[in-house]
Amino acid sequence: MPPSGDESEDDAPKLVRRSTLAPSIKLCPRCLAPLSASSKLGGWLIPQDYYCTKCGYAGMVYVESADGSPPEGKK
């Protein structure tokens, strides 16, 4: 059923295609601080794991900033 004149397509979520070549800032899922890589061999020989110096999080899961910059107020 086509959308009526009252509904706009601007309210629908948009998909964002990201470039895998562009560097991205990896953020801690707990405190949103930038993460640092735990091992130099990670991503090549073993899975890459990350460490947060602010809250102590250590793991392979991270959050990427949509625009490539750290969130406001969480520096």
Foldseek 3Di string as FASTA:
>chain_A
DDDDPVDDPVPPDDDDDDDPPDDWFWADPPQQATWDWPDPCDPPPHPIWTADPPPGDIGRDTDTDPVRDGDPPRD
